[in-house]
């Protein structure tokens, strides 16, 4: 279902955001890439025998990573701290100048998507982002942060952002 929401963008590259977006990106890439050479990870061969892969971003810094290919992100799931999002320098040539889509599990505050989008479109990385696909849209807070980019976000389903209230849960916004 997620692949269908972004299919019309016709990307060259699918980029997965950690952590749940990595698994989703693989599935989206496989669905969209049948016979098209869209990039996957794990050297999976599609039905036409094309060797492809998707591009995973990560939160843990490997010893060969550089700060130039990273950006700080914070999210609703880690509000107390800022973490870094890294692109493996060995994968830079797979994304530079490519038409790409970001895949993640949810959009709530929009902070992760905004930081990722800015990073991937930066001079250092050089992607052309066509869309962002998420499984779940939580509330509407993210729209103000993403500005014009909000029109490029696609989702499968939506639910309110919740908060604990006496006797259960209520909408946060």
N, C-alpha and C. Protein backbone atom coordinates (compact mmCIF):
# COMPACT_ATOMS: atom_id res chain seq x y z
N UNK A 1 0.81 -1.19 0.00
CA UNK A 1 0.00 0.00 0.00
C UNK A 1 0.86 1.27 0.00
N UNK A 2 1.94 1.26 0.79
CA UNK A 2 2.81 2.44 0.85
C UNK A 2 3.44 2.70 -0.51
N UNK A 3 3.86 1.65 -1.18
CA UNK A 3 4.47 1.80 -2.51
C UNK A 3 3.51 2.49 -3.48
N UNK A 4 2.25 2.16 -3.38
CA UNK A 4 1.26 2.76 -4.29
C UNK A 4 1.10 4.26 -4.06
N UNK A 5 1.32 4.71 -2.82
CA UNK A 5 1.17 6.14 -2.53
C UNK A 5 2.27 6.99 -3.16
N UNK A 6 3.42 6.37 -3.44
CA UNK A 6 4.56 7.12 -4.00
C UNK A 6 4.91 6.70 -5.43
N UNK A 7 4.20 5.74 -5.96
CA UNK A 7 4.52 5.19 -7.30
C UNK A 7 4.61 6.27 -8.38
N UNK A 8 3.69 7.22 -8.39
CA UNK A 8 3.64 8.24 -9.45
C UNK A 8 4.89 9.12 -9.50
N UNK A 9 5.67 9.14 -8.43
CA UNK A 9 6.90 9.96 -8.41
C UNK A 9 8.00 9.40 -9.28
N UNK A 10 7.96 8.10 -9.58
CA UNK A 10 8.95 7.44 -10.42
C UNK A 10 10.39 7.72 -9.99
N UNK A 11 10.74 7.32 -8.76
CA UNK A 11 12.09 7.59 -8.25
C UNK A 11 13.16 6.69 -8.86
N UNK A 12 14.40 7.16 -8.78
CA UNK A 12 15.56 6.32 -9.11
C UNK A 12 16.00 5.56 -7.87
N UNK A 13 15.80 6.19 -6.70
CA UNK A 13 16.33 5.68 -5.44
C UNK A 13 15.27 5.78 -4.34
N UNK A 14 15.21 4.75 -3.51
CA UNK A 14 14.37 4.75 -2.31
C UNK A 14 15.32 4.86 -1.12
N UNK A 15 15.08 5.84 -0.22
CA UNK A 15 15.95 6.05 0.93
C UNK A 15 15.16 5.78 2.21
N UNK A 16 15.62 4.81 2.99
CA UNK A 16 14.95 4.43 4.23
C UNK A 16 15.53 5.15 5.43
N UNK A 17 14.63 5.67 6.29
CA UNK A 17 15.06 6.31 7.54
C UNK A 17 14.99 5.30 8.67
N UNK A 18 15.95 5.35 9.59
CA UNK A 18 15.92 4.42 10.70
C UNK A 18 14.76 4.74 11.64
N UNK A 19 14.26 3.84 12.33
CA UNK A 19 14.60 2.45 12.30
C UNK A 19 13.57 1.68 11.46
N UNK A 20 12.31 1.92 11.67
CA UNK A 20 11.28 1.17 10.95
C UNK A 20 11.22 1.50 9.47
N UNK A 21 11.64 2.68 9.09
CA UNK A 21 11.65 3.05 7.68
C UNK A 21 12.58 2.21 6.84
N UNK A 22 13.59 1.59 7.47
CA UNK A 22 14.54 0.76 6.72
C UNK A 22 13.85 -0.47 6.16
N UNK A 23 13.06 -1.14 6.97
CA UNK A 23 12.33 -2.33 6.51
C UNK A 23 11.28 -1.95 5.48
N UNK A 24 10.58 -0.86 5.73
CA UNK A 24 9.55 -0.40 4.80
C UNK A 24 10.15 -0.01 3.45
N UNK A 25 11.32 0.63 3.48
CA UNK A 25 11.97 1.07 2.24
C UNK A 25 12.32 -0.13 1.35
N UNK A 26 12.75 -1.21 1.96
CA UNK A 26 13.08 -2.41 1.19
C UNK A 26 11.84 -2.92 0.45
N UNK A 27 10.72 -2.97 1.14
CA UNK A 27 9.48 -3.46 0.53
C UNK A 27 8.99 -2.51 -0.57
N UNK A 28 9.06 -1.20 -0.33
CA UNK A 28 8.66 -0.22 -1.33
C UNK A 28 9.55 -0.35 -2.56
N UNK A 29 10.86 -0.44 -2.35
CA UNK A 29 11.79 -0.56 -3.47
C UNK A 29 11.53 -1.82 -4.28
N UNK A 30 11.27 -2.93 -3.60
CA UNK A 30 10.99 -4.17 -4.31
C UNK A 30 9.71 -4.05 -5.13
N UNK A 31 8.70 -3.43 -4.56
CA UNK A 31 7.42 -3.28 -5.26
C UNK A 31 7.54 -2.36 -6.46
N UNK A 32 8.22 -1.24 -6.30
CA UNK A 32 8.36 -0.27 -7.39
C UNK A 32 9.41 -0.67 -8.41
N UNK A 33 10.38 -1.47 -7.99
CA UNK A 33 11.54 -1.74 -8.84
C UNK A 33 11.43 -2.90 -9.78
N UNK A 34 10.33 -3.61 -9.79
CA UNK A 34 10.23 -4.76 -10.67
C UNK A 34 10.54 -4.37 -12.10
N UNK A 35 11.72 -4.79 -12.58
CA UNK A 35 12.09 -4.54 -13.96
C UNK A 35 12.54 -3.13 -14.27
N UNK A 36 12.69 -2.27 -13.25
CA UNK A 36 13.04 -0.87 -13.53
C UNK A 36 14.42 -0.48 -13.05
N UNK A 37 15.10 -1.34 -12.30
CA UNK A 37 16.42 -0.99 -11.81
C UNK A 37 16.40 -0.03 -10.63
N UNK A 38 15.28 0.09 -9.93
CA UNK A 38 15.23 0.91 -8.72
C UNK A 38 16.15 0.28 -7.68
N UNK A 39 16.80 1.09 -6.85
CA UNK A 39 17.83 0.59 -5.94
C UNK A 39 17.29 -0.09 -4.69
N UNK A 40 17.83 -1.25 -4.31
CA UNK A 40 17.52 -1.99 -3.08
C UNK A 40 18.79 -2.24 -2.28
N UNK A 41 18.66 -2.78 -1.08
CA UNK A 41 19.80 -3.23 -0.27
C UNK A 41 19.89 -4.75 -0.32
N UNK A 42 20.93 -5.31 0.21
CA UNK A 42 21.13 -6.74 0.38
C UNK A 42 21.33 -7.50 -0.93
N UNK A 43 21.57 -6.80 -2.00
CA UNK A 43 21.81 -7.40 -3.30
C UNK A 43 20.74 -8.43 -3.66
N UNK A 44 19.49 -7.99 -3.59
CA UNK A 44 18.36 -8.83 -3.94
C UNK A 44 18.13 -8.74 -5.43
N UNK A 45 17.96 -9.85 -6.08
CA UNK A 45 17.66 -9.84 -7.51
C UNK A 45 16.14 -9.81 -7.67
N UNK A 46 15.67 -8.93 -8.54
CA UNK A 46 14.23 -8.90 -8.81
C UNK A 46 13.89 -9.94 -9.87
N UNK A 47 12.64 -9.98 -10.27
CA UNK A 47 12.18 -11.02 -11.18
C UNK A 47 12.85 -10.96 -12.55
N UNK A 48 13.38 -9.81 -12.93
CA UNK A 48 14.07 -9.68 -14.20
C UNK A 48 15.57 -9.93 -14.07
N UNK A 49 16.03 -10.31 -12.88
CA UNK A 49 17.44 -10.59 -12.68
C UNK A 49 18.30 -9.36 -12.49
N UNK A 50 17.69 -8.19 -12.29
CA UNK A 50 18.47 -6.98 -12.05
C UNK A 50 18.97 -6.95 -10.62
N UNK A 51 20.21 -6.63 -10.43
CA UNK A 51 20.80 -6.54 -9.10
C UNK A 51 20.65 -5.11 -8.61
N UNK A 52 19.91 -4.91 -7.55
CA UNK A 52 19.55 -3.58 -7.09
C UNK A 52 19.70 -3.45 -5.58
N UNK A 53 19.57 -2.23 -5.07
CA UNK A 53 19.54 -2.03 -3.62
C UNK A 53 18.92 -0.70 -3.26
N UNK A 54 18.41 -0.59 -2.01
CA UNK A 54 17.91 0.69 -1.52
C UNK A 54 18.98 1.29 -0.62
N UNK A 55 18.83 2.56 -0.27
CA UNK A 55 19.85 3.28 0.49
C UNK A 55 19.37 3.48 1.93
N UNK A 56 20.02 2.83 2.90
CA UNK A 56 19.63 3.02 4.30
C UNK A 56 20.45 4.14 4.95
N UNK A 57 19.78 5.02 5.66
CA UNK A 57 20.48 5.97 6.51
C UNK A 57 20.53 5.35 7.90
N UNK A 58 21.45 5.77 8.76
CA UNK A 58 21.59 5.15 10.06
C UNK A 58 21.89 6.13 11.18
N UNK A 59 21.61 5.68 12.41
CA UNK A 59 21.89 6.49 13.60
C UNK A 59 23.22 6.15 14.24
N UNK A 60 23.81 5.01 13.90
CA UNK A 60 25.09 4.68 14.53
C UNK A 60 26.23 5.00 13.57
N UNK A 61 27.25 5.66 14.11
CA UNK A 61 28.38 6.09 13.29
C UNK A 61 29.41 4.97 13.21
N UNK A 62 29.70 4.55 12.00
CA UNK A 62 30.76 3.57 11.76
C UNK A 62 32.08 4.34 11.66
N UNK A 63 33.20 3.67 11.86
CA UNK A 63 34.48 4.38 11.91
C UNK A 63 34.84 5.06 10.60
N UNK A 64 34.28 4.63 9.49
CA UNK A 64 34.61 5.25 8.20
C UNK A 64 33.63 6.37 7.81
N UNK A 65 32.62 6.61 8.62
CA UNK A 65 31.66 7.69 8.34
C UNK A 65 32.30 9.04 8.62
N UNK A 66 31.78 10.08 7.96
CA UNK A 66 32.28 11.43 8.18
C UNK A 66 31.16 12.33 8.68
N UNK A 67 31.54 13.35 9.43
CA UNK A 67 30.53 14.31 9.89
C UNK A 67 29.93 15.10 8.74
N UNK A 68 30.65 15.20 7.64
CA UNK A 68 30.14 15.93 6.48
C UNK A 68 28.88 15.28 5.93
N UNK A 69 28.80 13.95 6.04
CA UNK A 69 27.64 13.22 5.54
C UNK A 69 26.73 12.80 6.70
N UNK A 70 26.42 13.77 7.56
CA UNK A 70 25.52 13.53 8.68
C UNK A 70 24.74 14.80 8.98
N UNK A 71 23.66 14.63 9.73
CA UNK A 71 22.88 15.77 10.19
C UNK A 71 22.25 15.43 11.53
N UNK A 72 21.98 16.45 12.33
CA UNK A 72 21.34 16.23 13.62
C UNK A 72 19.83 16.15 13.42
N UNK A 73 19.21 15.20 14.13
CA UNK A 73 17.76 15.05 14.09
C UNK A 73 17.23 14.85 15.51
N UNK A 74 16.01 15.28 15.72
CA UNK A 74 15.29 14.94 16.95
C UNK A 74 13.89 14.58 16.51
N UNK A 75 13.22 13.78 17.31
CA UNK A 75 11.89 13.33 16.92
C UNK A 75 11.01 13.19 18.14
N UNK A 76 9.77 12.88 17.89
CA UNK A 76 8.81 12.70 18.97
C UNK A 76 9.17 11.49 19.84
N UNK A 77 9.90 10.53 19.28
CA UNK A 77 10.29 9.35 20.04
C UNK A 77 11.60 9.55 20.80
N UNK A 78 12.30 10.63 20.52
CA UNK A 78 13.53 10.94 21.26
C UNK A 78 13.59 12.44 21.55
N UNK A 79 12.58 12.98 22.22
CA UNK A 79 12.50 14.43 22.41
C UNK A 79 13.58 15.01 23.31
N UNK A 80 14.17 14.19 24.19
CA UNK A 80 15.14 14.74 25.14
C UNK A 80 16.53 14.90 24.55
N UNK A 81 16.75 14.28 23.42
CA UNK A 81 18.10 14.37 22.87
C UNK A 81 18.12 14.48 21.38
N UNK A 82 19.23 14.97 20.89
CA UNK A 82 19.45 15.07 19.47
C UNK A 82 20.36 13.91 19.09
N UNK A 83 20.06 13.28 17.99
CA UNK A 83 20.93 12.22 17.49
C UNK A 83 21.36 12.58 16.08
N UNK A 84 22.33 11.86 15.57
CA UNK A 84 22.84 12.13 14.23
C UNK A 84 22.36 11.06 13.26
N UNK A 85 22.04 11.51 12.07
CA UNK A 85 21.64 10.64 10.98
C UNK A 85 22.80 10.63 9.98
N UNK A 86 23.24 9.43 9.59
CA UNK A 86 24.43 9.28 8.75
C UNK A 86 24.11 8.63 7.41
N UNK A 87 24.83 9.07 6.39
CA UNK A 87 24.86 8.39 5.10
C UNK A 87 26.25 7.80 4.95
N UNK A 88 26.31 6.52 4.67
CA UNK A 88 27.59 5.85 4.44
C UNK A 88 28.26 6.50 3.22
N UNK A 89 29.48 7.02 3.38
CA UNK A 89 30.17 7.68 2.25
C UNK A 89 30.32 6.76 1.03
N UNK A 90 30.35 5.45 1.25
CA UNK A 90 30.45 4.51 0.14
C UNK A 90 29.18 4.46 -0.70
N UNK A 91 28.10 5.01 -0.17
CA UNK A 91 26.83 5.00 -0.91
C UNK A 91 26.49 6.37 -1.52
N UNK A 92 27.35 7.35 -1.32
CA UNK A 92 27.08 8.68 -1.83
C UNK A 92 26.85 8.67 -3.35
N UNK A 93 27.65 7.94 -4.09
CA UNK A 93 27.50 7.92 -5.55
C UNK A 93 26.17 7.31 -5.99
N UNK A 94 25.54 6.55 -5.11
CA UNK A 94 24.25 5.94 -5.44
C UNK A 94 23.09 6.91 -5.30
N UNK A 95 23.31 8.04 -4.59
CA UNK A 95 22.23 9.00 -4.37
C UNK A 95 22.47 10.36 -5.01
N UNK A 96 23.73 10.74 -5.17
CA UNK A 96 24.05 12.08 -5.71
C UNK A 96 23.46 12.24 -7.11
N UNK A 97 22.66 13.30 -7.25
CA UNK A 97 22.04 13.59 -8.54
C UNK A 97 20.84 12.72 -8.88
N UNK A 98 20.42 11.85 -7.97
CA UNK A 98 19.30 10.94 -8.24
C UNK A 98 17.97 11.52 -7.77
N UNK A 99 16.90 11.06 -8.41
CA UNK A 99 15.53 11.39 -8.01
C UNK A 99 15.15 10.38 -6.93
N UNK A 100 14.84 10.88 -5.73
CA UNK A 100 14.68 9.98 -4.58
C UNK A 100 13.38 10.20 -3.83
N UNK A 101 13.02 9.17 -3.05
CA UNK A 101 11.89 9.23 -2.14
C UNK A 101 12.39 8.80 -0.76
N UNK A 102 11.97 9.51 0.28
CA UNK A 102 12.25 9.14 1.67
C UNK A 102 11.11 8.24 2.14
N UNK A 103 11.46 7.16 2.84
CA UNK A 103 10.45 6.28 3.44
C UNK A 103 10.67 6.21 4.94
N UNK A 104 9.59 6.39 5.71
CA UNK A 104 9.64 6.26 7.17
C UNK A 104 8.33 5.66 7.66
N UNK A 105 8.29 5.31 8.94
CA UNK A 105 7.09 4.68 9.48
C UNK A 105 5.98 5.69 9.77
N UNK A 106 6.34 6.89 10.25
CA UNK A 106 5.31 7.85 10.66
C UNK A 106 5.83 9.28 10.53
N UNK A 107 4.88 10.21 10.46
CA UNK A 107 5.20 11.62 10.57
C UNK A 107 4.31 12.17 11.68
N UNK A 108 4.94 12.79 12.69
CA UNK A 108 4.20 13.36 13.83
C UNK A 108 4.54 14.84 13.99
N UNK A 109 5.78 15.11 14.37
CA UNK A 109 6.21 16.50 14.53
C UNK A 109 6.78 17.06 13.23
N UNK A 110 7.28 16.17 12.38
CA UNK A 110 7.91 16.58 11.12
C UNK A 110 9.40 16.84 11.24
N UNK A 111 9.95 16.78 12.46
CA UNK A 111 11.36 17.12 12.66
C UNK A 111 12.31 16.17 11.93
N UNK A 112 12.04 14.87 12.01
CA UNK A 112 12.91 13.91 11.33
C UNK A 112 12.84 14.08 9.82
N UNK A 113 11.64 14.23 9.29
CA UNK A 113 11.51 14.42 7.84
C UNK A 113 12.19 15.71 7.38
N UNK A 114 12.00 16.78 8.12
CA UNK A 114 12.61 18.06 7.72
C UNK A 114 14.13 17.95 7.72
N UNK A 115 14.71 17.42 8.80
CA UNK A 115 16.17 17.31 8.87
C UNK A 115 16.71 16.39 7.78
N UNK A 116 16.03 15.28 7.54
CA UNK A 116 16.45 14.34 6.51
C UNK A 116 16.36 14.97 5.13
N UNK A 117 15.28 15.66 4.87
CA UNK A 117 15.05 16.31 3.59
C UNK A 117 16.15 17.35 3.32
N UNK A 118 16.39 18.21 4.31
CA UNK A 118 17.44 19.23 4.16
C UNK A 118 18.80 18.58 3.89
N UNK A 119 19.10 17.52 4.63
CA UNK A 119 20.36 16.81 4.50
C UNK A 119 20.51 16.19 3.11
N UNK A 120 19.48 15.49 2.67
CA UNK A 120 19.57 14.79 1.39
C UNK A 120 19.61 15.74 0.20
N UNK A 121 19.01 16.91 0.33
CA UNK A 121 19.06 17.90 -0.75
C UNK A 121 20.25 18.86 -0.62
N UNK A 122 21.06 18.68 0.42
CA UNK A 122 22.21 19.56 0.62
C UNK A 122 23.23 19.38 -0.50
N UNK A 123 24.14 20.33 -0.59
CA UNK A 123 25.20 20.27 -1.59
C UNK A 123 26.07 19.01 -1.41
N UNK A 124 26.26 18.59 -0.16
CA UNK A 124 27.10 17.42 0.12
C UNK A 124 26.50 16.14 -0.44
N UNK A 125 25.17 15.98 -0.35
CA UNK A 125 24.52 14.75 -0.79
C UNK A 125 23.95 14.90 -2.20
N UNK A 126 23.19 15.94 -2.44
CA UNK A 126 22.75 16.27 -3.79
C UNK A 126 21.64 15.45 -4.40
N UNK A 127 20.70 14.96 -3.60
CA UNK A 127 19.51 14.27 -4.13
C UNK A 127 18.47 15.28 -4.59
N UNK A 128 17.59 14.83 -5.46
CA UNK A 128 16.38 15.58 -5.78
C UNK A 128 15.24 14.78 -5.16
N UNK A 129 14.69 15.28 -4.05
CA UNK A 129 13.62 14.54 -3.38
C UNK A 129 12.28 14.84 -4.03
N UNK A 130 11.59 13.77 -4.37
CA UNK A 130 10.31 13.87 -5.06
C UNK A 130 9.14 13.75 -4.10
N UNK A 131 9.33 13.00 -3.02
CA UNK A 131 8.24 12.74 -2.08
C UNK A 131 8.80 12.08 -0.83
N UNK A 132 7.94 12.01 0.18
CA UNK A 132 8.21 11.22 1.38
C UNK A 132 6.99 10.35 1.60
N UNK A 133 7.21 9.08 1.82
CA UNK A 133 6.11 8.15 2.08
C UNK A 133 6.20 7.62 3.49
N UNK A 134 5.09 7.69 4.21
CA UNK A 134 5.02 7.16 5.57
C UNK A 134 3.78 6.27 5.68
N UNK A 135 3.84 5.32 6.60
CA UNK A 135 2.67 4.48 6.83
C UNK A 135 1.60 5.27 7.57
N UNK A 136 2.01 6.00 8.62
CA UNK A 136 1.03 6.65 9.48
C UNK A 136 1.28 8.15 9.61
N UNK A 137 0.25 8.91 9.36
CA UNK A 137 0.26 10.37 9.58
C UNK A 137 -0.41 10.59 10.93
N UNK A 138 0.34 11.13 11.89
CA UNK A 138 -0.17 11.37 13.24
C UNK A 138 -0.43 12.86 13.41
N UNK A 139 -1.67 13.26 13.34
CA UNK A 139 -2.02 14.66 13.54
C UNK A 139 -1.57 15.54 12.39
N UNK A 140 -1.55 16.85 12.67
CA UNK A 140 -1.25 17.85 11.64
C UNK A 140 -0.08 18.77 11.99
N UNK A 141 0.54 18.61 13.18
CA UNK A 141 1.63 19.51 13.60
C UNK A 141 2.75 19.62 12.58
N UNK A 142 3.06 18.54 11.93
CA UNK A 142 4.17 18.45 11.00
C UNK A 142 4.02 19.38 9.80
N UNK A 143 2.80 19.71 9.45
CA UNK A 143 2.55 20.53 8.24
C UNK A 143 3.24 21.89 8.32
N UNK A 144 3.12 22.57 9.46
CA UNK A 144 3.72 23.90 9.61
C UNK A 144 5.24 23.83 9.48
N UNK A 145 5.85 22.80 10.05
CA UNK A 145 7.30 22.67 9.99
C UNK A 145 7.79 22.38 8.57
N UNK A 146 7.08 21.56 7.83
CA UNK A 146 7.52 21.19 6.49
C UNK A 146 7.17 22.24 5.44
N UNK A 147 6.27 23.15 5.73
CA UNK A 147 5.92 24.20 4.78
C UNK A 147 5.44 23.64 3.45
N UNK A 148 6.03 24.11 2.35
CA UNK A 148 5.61 23.67 1.02
C UNK A 148 5.84 22.18 0.80
N UNK A 149 6.79 21.60 1.50
CA UNK A 149 7.07 20.17 1.34
C UNK A 149 5.91 19.29 1.81
N UNK A 150 5.02 19.83 2.63
CA UNK A 150 3.91 19.03 3.13
C UNK A 150 3.09 18.43 1.99
N UNK A 151 3.04 19.11 0.87
CA UNK A 151 2.28 18.61 -0.29
C UNK A 151 2.93 17.38 -0.91
N UNK A 152 4.18 17.10 -0.55
CA UNK A 152 4.91 15.97 -1.12
C UNK A 152 4.92 14.76 -0.19
N UNK A 153 4.23 14.84 0.95
CA UNK A 153 4.18 13.73 1.90
C UNK A 153 2.95 12.88 1.58
N UNK A 154 3.17 11.57 1.48
CA UNK A 154 2.10 10.60 1.22
C UNK A 154 2.01 9.64 2.39
N UNK A 155 0.82 9.16 2.71
CA UNK A 155 0.63 8.25 3.83
C UNK A 155 -0.43 7.22 3.50
N UNK A 156 -0.41 6.12 4.27
CA UNK A 156 -1.37 5.04 4.09
C UNK A 156 -2.60 5.28 4.95
N UNK A 157 -2.40 5.60 6.23
CA UNK A 157 -3.53 5.91 7.10
C UNK A 157 -3.15 7.00 8.08
N UNK A 158 -4.17 7.56 8.73
CA UNK A 158 -3.92 8.64 9.69
C UNK A 158 -4.61 8.34 11.01
N UNK A 159 -4.02 8.89 12.05
CA UNK A 159 -4.59 8.78 13.39
C UNK A 159 -4.18 10.02 14.18
N UNK A 160 -4.93 10.35 15.22
CA UNK A 160 -4.54 11.52 16.01
C UNK A 160 -3.29 11.22 16.83
N UNK A 161 -2.58 12.24 17.18
CA UNK A 161 -1.46 12.12 18.11
C UNK A 161 -2.08 12.12 19.50
N UNK A 162 -1.78 11.12 20.30
CA UNK A 162 -2.45 10.94 21.58
C UNK A 162 -1.61 11.40 22.76
N UNK A 163 -2.31 11.68 23.87
CA UNK A 163 -1.66 12.00 25.14
C UNK A 163 -2.46 11.32 26.24
N UNK A 164 -1.78 11.04 27.34
CA UNK A 164 -2.46 10.41 28.48
C UNK A 164 -3.35 11.44 29.16
N UNK A 165 -4.58 11.04 29.44
CA UNK A 165 -5.53 11.86 30.19
C UNK A 165 -6.12 10.97 31.28
N UNK A 166 -6.75 11.59 32.24
CA UNK A 166 -7.34 10.80 33.32
C UNK A 166 -8.34 9.81 32.73
N UNK A 167 -8.12 8.55 33.05
CA UNK A 167 -9.02 7.50 32.57
C UNK A 167 -8.74 6.98 31.18
N UNK A 168 -7.63 7.39 30.55
CA UNK A 168 -7.33 6.84 29.23
C UNK A 168 -6.49 7.76 28.36
N UNK A 169 -6.93 7.93 27.13
CA UNK A 169 -6.16 8.69 26.14
C UNK A 169 -7.05 9.72 25.46
N UNK A 170 -6.43 10.84 25.05
CA UNK A 170 -7.14 11.88 24.32
C UNK A 170 -6.25 12.44 23.23
N UNK A 171 -6.86 13.11 22.26
CA UNK A 171 -6.08 13.72 21.18
C UNK A 171 -5.17 14.80 21.74
N UNK A 172 -3.92 14.82 21.29
CA UNK A 172 -2.91 15.74 21.82
C UNK A 172 -3.07 17.15 21.24
N UNK A 173 -3.47 17.28 20.03
CA UNK A 173 -3.46 18.59 19.39
C UNK A 173 -4.65 19.40 19.83
